[in-house]
Protein backbone atom coordinates (compact mmCIF):
# COMPACT_ATOMS: atom_id res chain seq x y z
CA MET A 1 -15.56 -70.52 39.42
CA SER A 2 -15.99 -74.15 38.10
CA GLY A 3 -13.69 -75.75 35.81
CA PRO A 4 -14.81 -75.19 32.58
CA ALA A 5 -15.52 -71.35 33.40
CA ARG A 6 -12.11 -70.87 34.87
CA ALA A 7 -10.47 -72.40 31.67
CA LEU A 8 -12.81 -70.05 29.74
CA THR A 9 -11.73 -67.12 31.38
CA ASP A 10 -8.11 -67.83 31.24
CA SER A 11 -7.72 -68.64 27.70
CA MET A 12 -9.91 -64.88 27.02
CA PRO A 13 -6.92 -62.33 26.81
CA ASN A 14 -6.94 -59.88 29.67
CA SER A 15 -7.39 -56.82 27.17
CA VAL A 16 -9.53 -56.67 24.44
CA GLU A 17 -8.14 -55.02 21.35
CA THR A 18 -10.20 -53.08 19.26
CA VAL A 19 -8.90 -52.27 15.90
CA ALA A 20 -10.29 -48.82 14.53
CA THR A 21 -10.67 -49.29 11.07
CA PRO A 22 -9.91 -45.97 9.36
CA LEU A 23 -12.44 -43.79 8.18
CA GLY A 24 -13.22 -43.72 4.39
CA PHE A 25 -13.72 -40.97 2.26
CA ASP A 26 -17.29 -41.58 1.61
CA GLU A 27 -18.04 -41.49 5.56
CA ALA A 28 -16.04 -38.58 6.18
CA PHE A 29 -17.68 -36.71 3.30
CA THR A 30 -20.95 -37.98 4.89
CA LEU A 31 -20.19 -36.84 8.16
CA HIS A 32 -18.43 -33.71 7.83
CA HIS A 33 -19.96 -31.96 4.60
CA ARG A 34 -22.33 -29.93 6.31
CA ALA A 35 -19.87 -28.44 8.73
CA VAL A 36 -17.02 -27.36 5.78
CA PHE A 37 -20.14 -26.02 3.85
CA ARG A 38 -20.99 -23.76 6.50
CA THR A 39 -17.68 -22.75 7.50
CA ALA A 40 -17.28 -21.97 4.00
CA ARG A 41 -20.38 -20.09 3.51
CA ALA A 42 -19.55 -18.38 6.40
CA MET A 43 -16.12 -16.97 5.02
CA VAL A 44 -16.88 -16.26 1.26
CA ARG A 45 -20.52 -15.11 2.03
CA ASP A 46 -21.91 -16.81 -1.00
CA ASN A 47 -23.39 -20.42 -1.89
CA GLY A 48 -21.52 -20.88 -5.55
CA LEU A 49 -18.58 -19.74 -4.12
CA ALA A 50 -18.77 -21.78 -1.08
CA GLU A 51 -19.72 -24.87 -3.04
CA ASP A 52 -16.20 -24.30 -4.75
CA VAL A 53 -14.42 -24.18 -1.40
CA THR A 54 -16.27 -27.26 -0.20
CA GLN A 55 -14.94 -29.22 -3.48
CA GLU A 56 -11.81 -28.10 -3.16
CA VAL A 57 -11.23 -29.16 0.53
CA PHE A 58 -12.95 -32.70 -0.01
CA LEU A 59 -10.70 -32.87 -3.23
CA ARG A 60 -7.66 -32.19 -0.89
CA LEU A 61 -8.85 -34.60 1.64
CA TYR A 62 -9.44 -37.40 -0.92
CA THR A 63 -5.84 -36.72 -2.29
CA HIS A 64 -4.13 -36.71 1.17
CA LEU A 65 -6.72 -39.57 2.44
CA ASP A 66 -3.66 -41.39 3.75
CA SER A 67 -1.81 -38.31 5.63
CA THR A 68 -4.80 -36.80 7.29
CA PRO A 69 -5.39 -37.13 10.84
CA GLY A 70 -7.32 -39.90 12.88
CA GLU A 71 -11.39 -39.78 13.15
CA GLU A 72 -10.94 -37.73 16.14
CA LEU A 73 -8.93 -35.03 14.43
CA LEU A 74 -10.39 -34.96 11.13
CA ARG A 75 -13.17 -32.61 11.78
CA ALA A 76 -10.59 -29.66 12.96
CA TRP A 77 -8.43 -30.52 9.93
CA LEU A 78 -11.02 -30.18 7.43
CA LEU A 79 -11.96 -26.73 8.79
CA ARG A 80 -8.61 -25.50 9.00
CA VAL A 81 -8.36 -26.49 5.34
CA THR A 82 -11.78 -24.91 4.33
CA ILE A 83 -10.49 -21.42 6.05
CA ASN A 84 -7.20 -21.62 4.14
CA VAL A 85 -8.78 -22.29 1.07
CA ALA A 86 -11.75 -19.76 1.60
CA ARG A 87 -8.91 -17.27 2.37
CA ASN A 88 -7.26 -18.02 -1.03
CA PHE A 89 -10.21 -17.70 -3.07
CA LEU A 90 -10.95 -14.38 -1.66
CA ARG A 91 -7.22 -13.30 -2.35
CA GLY A 92 -7.61 -14.36 -5.49
CA GLN A 93 -11.24 -12.58 -5.97
CA ASN A 94 -9.32 -9.52 -4.73
CA ARG A 95 -6.74 -9.59 -6.98
CA SER A 96 -8.85 -10.14 -10.04
CA THR A 97 -11.23 -7.36 -9.06
CA ALA A 98 -8.03 -4.96 -8.76
CA ARG A 99 -7.31 -6.16 -12.46
CA ASP A 100 -10.73 -5.69 -13.54
CA ASP A 101 -10.15 -1.88 -12.16
CA GLU A 102 -6.94 -1.31 -13.56
CA TYR A 103 -7.87 -2.68 -16.77
CA ALA A 104 -11.04 -0.01 -16.74
CA LYS A 105 -9.09 2.45 -16.01
CA GLN A 106 -6.38 2.05 -18.78
CA GLU A 107 -9.06 1.74 -21.24
CA THR A 108 -11.06 5.08 -19.91
CA ALA A 109 -7.57 6.72 -20.25
CA LYS A 110 -7.32 5.16 -23.51
CA ALA A 111 -10.84 6.40 -24.69
CA ASP A 112 -9.94 9.98 -23.18
CA TRP A 113 -6.83 10.25 -25.39
CA PHE A 114 -8.35 9.11 -28.65
CA THR A 115 -10.73 12.43 -27.86
CA VAL A 116 -7.55 14.68 -27.97
CA ALA A 117 -8.02 17.41 -30.54
CA PRO A 118 -5.81 16.62 -33.78
CA GLU A 119 -4.07 19.86 -33.47
CA GLU A 120 -2.49 18.67 -29.76
CA GLU A 121 -2.05 15.11 -30.68
CA TYR A 122 0.22 16.61 -33.74
CA GLU A 123 2.18 18.60 -31.44
CA ARG A 124 2.64 16.01 -29.05
CA ARG A 125 4.08 13.50 -32.06
CA VAL A 126 6.35 16.22 -32.85
CA GLU A 127 7.99 16.45 -29.72
CA ILE A 128 8.16 13.09 -29.32
CA GLU A 129 10.03 12.84 -32.56
CA GLU A 130 12.38 15.50 -31.65
CA ALA A 131 13.26 13.92 -28.47
CA ARG A 132 14.05 10.86 -30.63
CA ARG A 133 16.50 12.96 -32.62
CA ALA A 134 17.96 14.88 -29.98
CA LEU A 135 18.58 10.97 -27.95
CA ASP A 136 20.07 9.84 -31.40
CA LYS A 137 22.70 12.33 -31.16
CA ILE A 138 23.61 11.60 -27.94
CA LYS A 139 27.26 9.34 -27.78
CA GLU A 140 27.00 5.69 -26.27
CA PRO A 141 27.46 4.56 -23.39
CA MET A 142 25.69 7.82 -22.30
CA ARG A 143 22.67 7.27 -24.23
CA SER A 144 22.12 3.75 -23.06
CA CYS A 145 22.88 4.87 -19.46
CA LEU A 146 20.25 7.66 -19.80
CA LEU A 147 17.58 5.25 -21.05
CA LEU A 148 18.36 2.59 -18.71
CA LYS A 149 17.96 4.83 -15.72
CA GLN A 150 14.82 6.31 -17.10
CA GLN A 151 13.32 2.83 -17.14
CA GLY A 152 13.88 2.66 -13.38
CA LEU A 153 17.24 0.62 -13.14
CA SER A 154 19.80 1.40 -10.43
CA TYR A 155 23.67 1.97 -11.47
CA ARG A 156 24.53 -1.44 -10.22
CA GLU A 157 21.87 -3.02 -12.64
CA ILE A 158 22.77 -0.37 -15.70
CA ALA A 159 26.42 -1.26 -15.15
CA THR A 160 25.96 -4.93 -15.28
CA THR A 161 23.55 -4.65 -18.30
CA LEU A 162 26.03 -2.46 -20.12
CA GLN A 163 29.37 -3.92 -18.94
CA ILE A 164 30.83 -1.00 -17.91
CA ASN A 165 32.27 0.13 -14.44
CA GLU A 166 29.47 1.20 -11.67
CA ASN A 167 31.63 4.19 -10.71
CA ASN A 168 31.17 5.87 -13.89
CA VAL A 169 27.13 5.36 -14.82
CA GLY A 170 26.68 8.52 -12.52
CA SER A 171 28.63 10.62 -14.49
CA LEU A 172 27.26 9.00 -17.79
CA ILE A 173 24.01 9.73 -16.82
CA ALA A 174 24.56 13.02 -15.79
CA ARG A 175 26.94 13.77 -18.83
CA GLY A 176 23.82 12.33 -21.10
CA ARG A 177 21.22 14.86 -19.42
CA LYS A 178 23.54 17.68 -20.53
CA GLU A 179 23.69 16.57 -23.99
CA PHE A 180 20.24 15.60 -24.19
CA VAL A 181 19.21 19.31 -23.17
CA ARG A 182 21.53 20.61 -25.63
CA PHE A 183 20.48 18.91 -28.48
CA TYR A 184 16.40 18.64 -27.59
CA GLY A 185 16.82 22.54 -27.23
CA LYS A 186 18.58 23.21 -30.63
CA ILE A 187 16.40 20.69 -32.48
CA GLY A 188 13.03 22.44 -30.82
CA GLY A 189 14.29 25.67 -31.57
CA LYS A 190 14.26 26.61 -28.03
CA GLN A 191 18.03 27.99 -28.02
């Protein structure tokens, strides 16, 4: 090797350092949009919903671009996020459908309730009023214990609510039931 060539090779570093610039959002979007959309479409089976999922995934990429894995793992990260977001969308959709079904059942029940004959409706109202009058005659704290138990509270919750001893709640409920039966029978003419 000649002198100038040796000087040139000696001045060069032994290893070449390559500085990889991180992948920008636009580049990541261009490279991975199709894969994300296809994965979302496979999960949700609806083009419109798949577009929403894809948009949410890239929104998350944009907001977390500095904390996402490097370029070699970005595709895997995006697809994992796509699967998770698609599952969340489907769960939300299932919950919404369940709420809509429950609402429809309630509305149907209300419509059926309104078709009750007037005399049946009158009898029902009379029974409710008799039950209220019987409850009004029960002394406290038996009445409150009975009402709270009817609403599904535990003995501990009743005791905490009424600020009474938990050991007394059971006997107060039992005595309240006996009193209710006694008063309700007198009011309703069943005794």
